PDB file of N, CA and C in Angstrom:
ATOM      1  N   UNK A   1     -10.855 -20.856   4.088  1.00  0.00           N
ATOM      2  CA  UNK A   1     -10.932 -20.593   2.728  1.00  0.00           C
ATOM      3  C   UNK A   1     -12.399 -20.065   2.427  1.00  0.00           C
ATOM      4  N   UNK A   2     -12.380 -18.892   1.689  1.00  0.00           N
ATOM      5  CA  UNK A   2     -13.591 -18.409   1.421  1.00  0.00           C
ATOM      6  C   UNK A   2     -14.545 -19.194   0.462  1.00  0.00           C
ATOM      7  N   UNK A   3     -16.129 -19.387   0.499  1.00  0.00           N
ATOM      8  CA  UNK A   3     -16.547 -19.826  -0.456  1.00  0.00           C
ATOM      9  C   UNK A   3     -16.838 -19.053  -1.722  1.00  0.00           C
ATOM     10  N   UNK A   4     -17.759 -19.483  -2.672  1.00  0.00           N
ATOM     11  CA  UNK A   4     -17.882 -18.748  -3.946  1.00  0.00           C
ATOM     12  C   UNK A   4     -18.389 -17.708  -3.678  1.00  0.00           C
ATOM     13  N   UNK A   5     -19.209 -17.342  -2.570  1.00  0.00           N
ATOM     14  CA  UNK A   5     -20.197 -16.127  -2.270  1.00  0.00           C
ATOM     15  C   UNK A   5     -19.207 -14.928  -1.664  1.00  0.00           C
ATOM     16  N   UNK A   6     -18.205 -15.484  -0.873  1.00  0.00           N
ATOM     17  CA  UNK A   6     -17.359 -14.709  -0.321  1.00  0.00           C
ATOM     18  C   UNK A   6     -16.001 -13.979  -1.294  1.00  0.00           C
ATOM     19  N   UNK A   7     -15.730 -12.855  -0.950  1.00  0.00           N
ATOM     20  CA  UNK A   7     -14.577 -12.336  -1.743  1.00  0.00           C
ATOM     21  C   UNK A   7     -13.911 -11.422  -0.853  1.00  0.00           C
ATOM     22  N   UNK A   8     -12.646 -11.142  -1.337  1.00  0.00           N
ATOM     23  CA  UNK A   8     -11.851 -10.061  -0.465  1.00  0.00           C
ATOM     24  C   UNK A   8     -12.365  -8.734  -0.669  1.00  0.00           C
ATOM     25  N   UNK A   9     -12.515  -7.763   0.276  1.00  0.00           N
ATOM     26  CA  UNK A   9     -13.008  -6.600   0.012  1.00  0.00           C
ATOM     27  C   UNK A   9     -12.428  -5.775  -1.024  1.00  0.00           C
ATOM     28  N   UNK A  10     -11.009  -6.241  -1.588  1.00  0.00           N
ATOM     29  CA  UNK A  10     -10.617  -5.489  -2.671  1.00  0.00           C
ATOM     30  C   UNK A  10     -11.342  -5.866  -3.954  1.00  0.00           C
ATOM     31  N   UNK A  11     -11.734  -7.034  -3.948  1.00  0.00           N
ATOM     32  CA  UNK A  11     -12.623  -7.401  -5.186  1.00  0.00           C
ATOM     33  C   UNK A  11     -14.043  -7.124  -5.220  1.00  0.00           C
ATOM     34  N   UNK A  12     -14.561  -6.378  -4.296  1.00  0.00           N
ATOM     35  CA  UNK A  12     -15.900  -5.750  -4.185  1.00  0.00           C
ATOM     36  C   UNK A  12     -16.021  -4.624  -4.900  1.00  0.00           C
ATOM     37  N   UNK A  13     -17.086  -4.499  -5.752  1.00  0.00           N
ATOM     38  CA  UNK A  13     -17.132  -3.162  -6.534  1.00  0.00           C
ATOM     39  C   UNK A  13     -17.469  -1.904  -5.653  1.00  0.00           C
ATOM     40  N   UNK A  14     -17.222  -0.911  -6.072  1.00  0.00           N
ATOM     41  CA  UNK A  14     -17.372   0.580  -5.196  1.00  0.00           C
ATOM     42  C   UNK A  14     -18.916   0.480  -5.071  1.00  0.00           C
ATOM     43  N   UNK A  15     -19.368   0.737  -3.737  1.00  0.00           N
ATOM     44  CA  UNK A  15     -20.867   1.253  -3.479  1.00  0.00           C
ATOM     45  C   UNK A  15     -21.220  -0.018  -3.054  1.00  0.00           C
ATOM     46  N   UNK A  16     -20.694  -1.318  -2.978  1.00  0.00           N
ATOM     47  CA  UNK A  16     -21.420  -2.381  -2.547  1.00  0.00           C
ATOM     48  C   UNK A  16     -21.153  -2.607  -1.015  1.00  0.00           C
ATOM     49  N   UNK A  17     -22.235  -3.252  -0.553  1.00  0.00           N
ATOM     50  CA  UNK A  17     -22.295  -3.552   0.967  1.00  0.00           C
ATOM     51  C   UNK A  17     -22.128  -4.931   1.328  1.00  0.00           C
ATOM     52  N   UNK A  18     -21.750  -5.352   2.544  1.00  0.00           N
ATOM     53  CA  UNK A  18     -21.575  -6.570   2.606  1.00  0.00           C
ATOM     54  C   UNK A  18     -21.324  -6.872   4.351  1.00  0.00           C
ATOM     55  N   UNK A  19     -21.064  -8.048   4.569  1.00  0.00           N
ATOM     56  CA  UNK A  19     -21.038  -8.827   5.664  1.00  0.00           C
ATOM     57  C   UNK A  19     -19.511  -9.236   5.939  1.00  0.00           C
ATOM     58  N   UNK A  20     -18.689  -8.869   6.979  1.00  0.00           N
ATOM     59  CA  UNK A  20     -17.491  -9.082   6.858  1.00  0.00           C
ATOM     60  C   UNK A  20     -17.420 -10.689   7.616  1.00  0.00           C
ATOM     61  N   UNK A  21     -16.885 -11.494   6.934  1.00  0.00           N
ATOM     62  CA  UNK A  21     -16.863 -12.857   7.210  1.00  0.00           C
ATOM     63  C   UNK A  21     -15.759 -13.550   8.136  1.00  0.00           C
ATOM     64  N   UNK A  22     -14.573 -13.036   7.715  1.00  0.00           N
ATOM     65  CA  UNK A  22     -13.399 -13.563   8.253  1.00  0.00           C
ATOM     66  C   UNK A  22     -12.288 -12.401   8.016  1.00  0.00           C
ATOM     67  N   UNK A  23     -11.183 -12.209   9.017  1.00  0.00           N
ATOM     68  CA  UNK A  23     -10.193 -11.300   8.691  1.00  0.00           C
ATOM     69  C   UNK A  23      -8.840 -12.663   8.735  1.00  0.00           C
ATOM     70  N   UNK A  24      -8.087 -12.495   7.565  1.00  0.00           N
ATOM     71  CA  UNK A  24      -7.115 -13.444   7.097  1.00  0.00           C
ATOM     72  C   UNK A  24      -6.114 -12.483   7.594  1.00  0.00           C
ATOM     73  N   UNK A  25      -5.620 -12.678   8.852  1.00  0.00           N
ATOM     74  CA  UNK A  25      -4.290 -12.350   9.545  1.00  0.00           C
ATOM     75  C   UNK A  25      -4.169 -12.696  10.859  1.00  0.00           C
ATOM     76  N   UNK A  26      -3.006 -12.108  11.495  1.00  0.00           N
ATOM     77  CA  UNK A  26      -2.747 -12.521  12.803  1.00  0.00           C
ATOM     78  C   UNK A  26      -3.534 -11.412  13.655  1.00  0.00           C
ATOM     79  N   UNK A  27      -3.037 -11.797  14.892  1.00  0.00           N
ATOM     80  CA  UNK A  27      -3.542 -10.980  15.966  1.00  0.00           C
ATOM     81  C   UNK A  27      -3.404  -9.337  15.746  1.00  0.00           C
ATOM     82  N   UNK A  28      -2.287  -9.062  15.289  1.00  0.00           N
ATOM     83  CA  UNK A  28      -2.167  -7.679  15.273  1.00  0.00           C
ATOM     84  C   UNK A  28      -2.885  -6.832  14.189  1.00  0.00           C
ATOM     85  N   UNK A  29      -3.312  -7.653  13.230  1.00  0.00           N
ATOM     86  CA  UNK A  29      -4.113  -7.306  12.022  1.00  0.00           C
ATOM     87  C   UNK A  29      -5.573  -7.129  12.418  1.00  0.00           C
ATOM     88  N   UNK A  30      -6.202  -8.420  13.348  1.00  0.00           N
ATOM     89  CA  UNK A  30      -7.303  -8.485  13.867  1.00  0.00           C
ATOM     90  C   UNK A  30      -7.518  -7.255  14.590  1.00  0.00           C
ATOM     91  N   UNK A  31      -6.847  -7.123  15.763  1.00  0.00           N
ATOM     92  CA  UNK A  31      -6.931  -6.254  16.585  1.00  0.00           C
ATOM     93  C   UNK A  31      -6.948  -4.728  16.190  1.00  0.00           C
ATOM     94  N   UNK A  32      -6.117  -4.226  15.053  1.00  0.00           N
ATOM     95  CA  UNK A  32      -6.065  -2.990  14.484  1.00  0.00           C
ATOM     96  C   UNK A  32      -7.593  -2.825  13.768  1.00  0.00           C
ATOM     97  N   UNK A  33      -8.038  -3.767  13.020  1.00  0.00           N
ATOM     98  CA  UNK A  33      -9.092  -3.614  12.214  1.00  0.00           C
ATOM     99  C   UNK A  33     -10.266  -3.414  13.285  1.00  0.00           C
ATOM    100  N   UNK A  34     -10.003  -4.228  14.390  1.00  0.00           N
ATOM    101  CA  UNK A  34     -11.534  -4.337  15.434  1.00  0.00           C
ATOM    102  C   UNK A  34     -11.360  -2.990  16.073  1.00  0.00           C
ATOM    103  N   UNK A  35     -10.112  -2.209  16.356  1.00  0.00           N
ATOM    104  CA  UNK A  35     -10.442  -0.756  17.160  1.00  0.00           C
ATOM    105  C   UNK A  35     -10.916   0.067  15.791  1.00  0.00           C
ATOM    106  N   UNK A  36     -11.003  -0.106  14.523  1.00  0.00           N
ATOM    107  CA  UNK A  36     -11.879   0.594  13.642  1.00  0.00           C
ATOM    108  C   UNK A  36     -13.260   0.213  13.477  1.00  0.00           C
ATOM    109  N   UNK A  37     -13.430  -0.648  14.036  1.00  0.00           N
ATOM    110  CA  UNK A  37     -15.022  -1.240  14.066  1.00  0.00           C
ATOM    111  C   UNK A  37     -15.093  -2.509  13.095  1.00  0.00           C
ATOM    112  N   UNK A  38     -14.170  -2.779  12.238  1.00  0.00           N
ATOM    113  CA  UNK A  38     -14.210  -4.011  11.059  1.00  0.00           C
ATOM    114  C   UNK A  38     -13.680  -5.188  11.914  1.00  0.00           C
ATOM    115  N   UNK A  39     -14.985  -6.041  12.319  1.00  0.00           N
ATOM    116  CA  UNK A  39     -14.846  -7.341  12.809  1.00  0.00           C
ATOM    117  C   UNK A  39     -15.814  -8.570  12.278  1.00  0.00           C
ATOM    118  N   UNK A  40     -15.465  -9.682  12.130  1.00  0.00           N
ATOM    119  CA  UNK A  40     -16.490 -10.568  11.812  1.00  0.00           C
ATOM    120  C   UNK A  40     -17.805 -10.386  11.979  1.00  0.00           C
ATOM    121  N   UNK A  41     -19.024 -10.444  11.153  1.00  0.00           N
ATOM    122  CA  UNK A  41     -20.377  -9.903  11.471  1.00  0.00           C
ATOM    123  C   UNK A  41     -20.904  -8.539  11.516  1.00  0.00           C
ATOM    124  N   UNK A  42     -19.953  -7.748  11.276  1.00  0.00           N
ATOM    125  CA  UNK A  42     -20.006  -6.113  10.803  1.00  0.00           C
ATOM    126  C   UNK A  42     -20.359  -5.790   9.487  1.00  0.00           C
ATOM    127  N   UNK A  43     -21.252  -4.764   9.195  1.00  0.00           N
ATOM    128  CA  UNK A  43     -21.471  -4.559   7.845  1.00  0.00           C
ATOM    129  C   UNK A  43     -20.659  -3.724   7.516  1.00  0.00           C
ATOM    130  N   UNK A  44     -20.161  -3.583   6.179  1.00  0.00           N
ATOM    131  CA  UNK A  44     -19.318  -2.553   5.922  1.00  0.00           C
ATOM    132  C   UNK A  44     -19.559  -2.258   4.513  1.00  0.00           C
ATOM    133  N   UNK A  45     -19.503  -1.085   3.982  1.00  0.00           N
ATOM    134  CA  UNK A  45     -19.753  -0.806   2.469  1.00  0.00           C
ATOM    135  C   UNK A  45     -18.389  -0.208   1.829  1.00  0.00           C
ATOM    136  N   UNK A  46     -17.970  -0.683   0.696  1.00  0.00           N
ATOM    137  CA  UNK A  46     -16.834  -0.160   0.053  1.00  0.00           C
ATOM    138  C   UNK A  46     -16.984   0.939  -0.503  1.00  0.00           C
ATOM    139  N   UNK A  47     -16.714   2.381  -0.031  1.00  0.00           N
ATOM    140  CA  UNK A  47     -17.070   3.624  -0.716  1.00  0.00           C
ATOM    141  C   UNK A  47     -16.320   4.032  -1.923  1.00  0.00           C
ATOM    142  N   UNK A  48     -14.932   3.673  -1.714  1.00  0.00           N
ATOM    143  CA  UNK A  48     -13.912   4.000  -2.911  1.00  0.00           C
ATOM    144  C   UNK A  48     -12.776   3.227  -2.845  1.00  0.00           C
ATOM    145  N   UNK A  49     -12.255   3.141  -3.963  1.00  0.00           N
ATOM    146  CA  UNK A  49     -10.624   2.328  -3.968  1.00  0.00           C
ATOM    147  C   UNK A  49     -10.017   3.140  -5.059  1.00  0.00           C
ATOM    148  N   UNK A  50      -8.518   3.471  -5.084  1.00  0.00           N
ATOM    149  CA  UNK A  50      -7.532   3.777  -5.970  1.00  0.00           C
ATOM    150  C   UNK A  50      -7.342   2.531  -6.836  1.00  0.00           C
ATOM    151  N   UNK A  51      -6.764   2.959  -8.284  1.00  0.00           N
ATOM    152  CA  UNK A  51      -6.213   1.984  -9.134  1.00  0.00           C
ATOM    153  C   UNK A  51      -4.862   1.695  -8.484  1.00  0.00           C
ATOM    154  N   UNK A  52      -4.315   0.663  -8.891  1.00  0.00           N
ATOM    155  CA  UNK A  52      -3.013   0.178  -8.549  1.00  0.00           C
ATOM    156  C   UNK A  52      -2.533   0.051  -7.137  1.00  0.00           C
ATOM    157  N   UNK A  53      -3.424  -0.598  -6.458  1.00  0.00           N
ATOM    158  CA  UNK A  53      -3.260  -1.146  -5.194  1.00  0.00           C
ATOM    159  C   UNK A  53      -3.066   0.181  -4.310  1.00  0.00           C
ATOM    160  N   UNK A  54      -3.978   1.049  -4.328  1.00  0.00           N
ATOM    161  CA  UNK A  54      -3.925   2.351  -3.549  1.00  0.00           C
ATOM    162  C   UNK A  54      -4.986   2.071  -2.008  1.00  0.00           C
ATOM    163  N   UNK A  55      -5.088   3.137  -1.527  1.00  0.00           N
ATOM    164  CA  UNK A  55      -5.939   2.881  -0.337  1.00  0.00           C
ATOM    165  C   UNK A  55      -7.362   2.477  -0.829  1.00  0.00           C
ATOM    166  N   UNK A  56      -8.054   1.845   0.221  1.00  0.00           N
ATOM    167  CA  UNK A  56      -9.622   1.884   0.183  1.00  0.00           C
ATOM    168  C   UNK A  56     -10.481   2.204   1.128  1.00  0.00           C
ATOM    169  N   UNK A  57     -11.366   3.039   0.492  1.00  0.00           N
ATOM    170  CA  UNK A  57     -12.229   3.748   1.895  1.00  0.00           C
ATOM    171  C   UNK A  57     -13.298   2.872   1.755  1.00  0.00           C
ATOM    172  N   UNK A  58     -13.769   2.736   3.341  1.00  0.00           N
ATOM    173  CA  UNK A  58     -14.864   1.971   3.704  1.00  0.00           C
ATOM    174  C   UNK A  58     -15.732   2.729   4.696  1.00  0.00           C
ATOM    175  N   UNK A  59     -17.088   2.272   4.970  1.00  0.00           N
ATOM    176  CA  UNK A  59     -18.041   2.802   5.833  1.00  0.00           C
ATOM    177  C   UNK A  59     -18.326   1.705   6.691  1.00  0.00           C
ATOM    178  N   UNK A  60     -18.025   1.966   8.043  1.00  0.00           N
ATOM    179  CA  UNK A  60     -18.423   1.067   9.063  1.00  0.00           C
ATOM    180  C   UNK A  60     -19.358   1.799  10.113  1.00  0.00           C
ATOM    181  N   UNK A  61     -20.434   1.475  10.267  1.00  0.00           N
ATOM    182  CA  UNK A  61     -21.344   1.975  10.952  1.00  0.00           C
ATOM    183  C   UNK A  61     -21.621   3.420  10.443  1.00  0.00           C
ATOM    184  N   UNK A  62     -21.389   4.583  11.060  1.00  0.00           N
ATOM    185  CA  UNK A  62     -21.485   5.899  10.589  1.00  0.00           C
ATOM    186  C   UNK A  62     -19.951   6.431  10.097  1.00  0.00           C
ATOM    187  N   UNK A  63     -18.856   5.676  10.345  1.00  0.00           N
ATOM    188  CA  UNK A  63     -17.736   6.163   9.998  1.00  0.00           C
ATOM    189  C   UNK A  63     -17.131   5.882   8.858  1.00  0.00           C
ATOM    190  N   UNK A  64     -16.450   6.506   8.069  1.00  0.00           N
ATOM    191  CA  UNK A  64     -15.492   6.213   6.937  1.00  0.00           C
ATOM    192  C   UNK A  64     -14.188   6.375   7.441  1.00  0.00           C
ATOM    193  N   UNK A  65     -13.460   5.091   6.692  1.00  0.00           N
ATOM    194  CA  UNK A  65     -12.061   4.784   7.130  1.00  0.00           C
ATOM    195  C   UNK A  65     -11.412   4.440   5.879  1.00  0.00           C
ATOM    196  N   UNK A  66     -10.173   5.079   5.866  1.00  0.00           N
ATOM    197  CA  UNK A  66      -9.233   4.642   4.518  1.00  0.00           C
ATOM    198  C   UNK A  66      -8.108   3.613   5.116  1.00  0.00           C
ATOM    199  N   UNK A  67      -8.160   2.524   4.525  1.00  0.00           N
ATOM    200  CA  UNK A  67      -7.134   1.462   4.913  1.00  0.00           C
ATOM    201  C   UNK A  67      -6.289   1.119   3.313  1.00  0.00           C
ATOM    202  N   UNK A  68      -5.203   0.545   3.972  1.00  0.00           N
ATOM    203  CA  UNK A  68      -4.105  -0.001   2.747  1.00  0.00           C
ATOM    204  C   UNK A  68      -4.675  -1.183   1.897  1.00  0.00           C
ATOM    205  N   UNK A  69      -4.456  -1.309   1.021  1.00  0.00           N
ATOM    206  CA  UNK A  69      -4.933  -2.458  -0.078  1.00  0.00           C
ATOM    207  C   UNK A  69      -4.155  -3.543   0.671  1.00  0.00           C
ATOM    208  N   UNK A  70      -3.312  -3.876   1.208  1.00  0.00           N
ATOM    209  CA  UNK A  70      -2.758  -5.119   1.993  1.00  0.00           C
ATOM    210  C   UNK A  70      -3.646  -5.574   3.024  1.00  0.00           C
ATOM    211  N   UNK A  71      -4.031  -4.563   3.777  1.00  0.00           N
ATOM    212  CA  UNK A  71      -4.951  -4.643   4.956  1.00  0.00           C
ATOM    213  C   UNK A  71      -6.532  -4.864   4.112  1.00  0.00           C
ATOM    214  N   UNK A  72      -6.844  -4.424   3.208  1.00  0.00           N
ATOM    215  CA  UNK A  72      -8.253  -4.691   2.521  1.00  0.00           C
ATOM    216  C   UNK A  72      -8.352  -5.931   2.034  1.00  0.00           C
ATOM    217  N   UNK A  73      -7.146  -6.519   1.326  1.00  0.00           N
ATOM    218  CA  UNK A  73      -7.248  -7.745   0.736  1.00  0.00           C
ATOM    219  C   UNK A  73      -7.420  -8.991   1.836  1.00  0.00           C
ATOM    220  N   UNK A  74      -7.423  -8.668   2.988  1.00  0.00           N
ATOM    221  CA  UNK A  74      -7.167  -9.704   4.241  1.00  0.00           C
ATOM    222  C   UNK A  74      -8.497  -9.773   4.852  1.00  0.00           C
ATOM    223  N   UNK A  75      -9.454  -8.699   4.476  1.00  0.00           N
ATOM    224  CA  UNK A  75     -10.856  -8.647   4.851  1.00  0.00           C
ATOM    225  C   UNK A  75     -11.663  -9.608   3.903  1.00  0.00           C
ATOM    226  N   UNK A  76     -12.221 -10.569   4.402  1.00  0.00           N
ATOM    227  CA  UNK A  76     -13.147 -11.681   3.730  1.00  0.00           C
ATOM    228  C   UNK A  76     -14.470 -11.086   3.835  1.00  0.00           C
ATOM    229  N   UNK A  77     -15.461 -10.806   2.752  1.00  0.00           N
ATOM    230  CA  UNK A  77     -16.786 -10.098   2.716  1.00  0.00           C
ATOM    231  C   UNK A  77     -17.871 -10.856   2.127  1.00  0.00           C
ATOM    232  N   UNK A  78     -18.950 -11.249   2.486  1.00  0.00           N
ATOM    233  CA  UNK A  78     -19.951 -11.857   1.896  1.00  0.00           C
ATOM    234  C   UNK A  78     -20.927 -10.533   1.401  1.00  0.00           C
ATOM    235  N   UNK A  79     -20.823 -10.164  -0.013  1.00  0.00           N
ATOM    236  CA  UNK A  79     -21.765  -8.995  -0.490  1.00  0.00           C
ATOM    237  C   UNK A  79     -23.440  -9.309  -0.330  1.00  0.00           C
ATOM    238  N   UNK A  80     -23.910  -8.175   0.123  1.00  0.00           N
ATOM    239  CA  UNK A  80     -25.590  -8.435   0.419  1.00  0.00           C
ATOM    240  C   UNK A  80     -26.059  -8.507  -1.072  1.00  0.00           C
ATOM    241  N   UNK A  81     -27.133  -9.417  -0.889  1.00  0.00           N
ATOM    242  CA  UNK A  81     -27.910  -9.795  -2.414  1.00  0.00           C
ATOM    243  C   UNK A  81     -28.415  -8.718  -2.981  1.00  0.00           C
ATOM    244  N   UNK A  82     -29.067  -7.850  -2.306  1.00  0.00           N
ATOM    245  CA  UNK A  82     -29.872  -6.725  -2.877  1.00  0.00           C
ATOM    246  C   UNK A  82     -28.781  -5.780  -3.547  1.00  0.00           C
ATOM    247  N   UNK A  83     -27.786  -5.548  -2.652  1.00  0.00           N
ATOM    248  CA  UNK A  83     -26.720  -4.541  -3.902  1.00  0.00           C
ATOM    249  C   UNK A  83     -26.195  -5.122  -5.138  1.00  0.00           C
ATOM    250  N   UNK A  84     -26.165  -6.494  -5.104  1.00  0.00           N
ATOM    251  CA  UNK A  84     -25.569  -7.144  -6.113  1.00  0.00           C
ATOM    252  C   UNK A  84     -26.557  -7.185  -7.219  1.00  0.00           C
ATOM    253  N   UNK A  85     -27.859  -7.567  -6.715  1.00  0.00           N
ATOM    254  CA  UNK A  85     -28.968  -7.484  -7.989  1.00  0.00           C
ATOM    255  C   UNK A  85     -29.139  -6.127  -8.467  1.00  0.00           C
ATOM    256  N   UNK A  86     -28.579  -5.052  -8.064  1.00  0.00           N
ATOM    257  CA  UNK A  86     -29.076  -3.790  -8.524  1.00  0.00           C
ATOM    258  C   UNK A  86     -28.099  -3.628  -9.713  1.00  0.00           C
ATOM    259  N   UNK A  87     -26.957  -3.982  -9.770  1.00  0.00           N
ATOM    260  CA  UNK A  87     -25.914  -3.947 -10.814  1.00  0.00           C
ATOM    261  C   UNK A  87     -26.194  -4.361 -12.296  1.00  0.00           C
TER     262      UNK A  87
END
């Protein structure tokens, strides 16, 4: 269960960066995300998202990837403090 500093990727504001803390899903989801470079300890940035549960675009390392809303809400992230204070 995430603590108060952690939130699902879907709730993170656009342009916010953070560190992946946990993947809430089975081995299939974890393996698929890992193949895209999304795994616990990795730094990611939420580039954009669509309204009404549309795809979420993230940046991992120097690559941008679009993932589905259901997949994004299972990625638990701890937002960076510096990004949060700029808003």
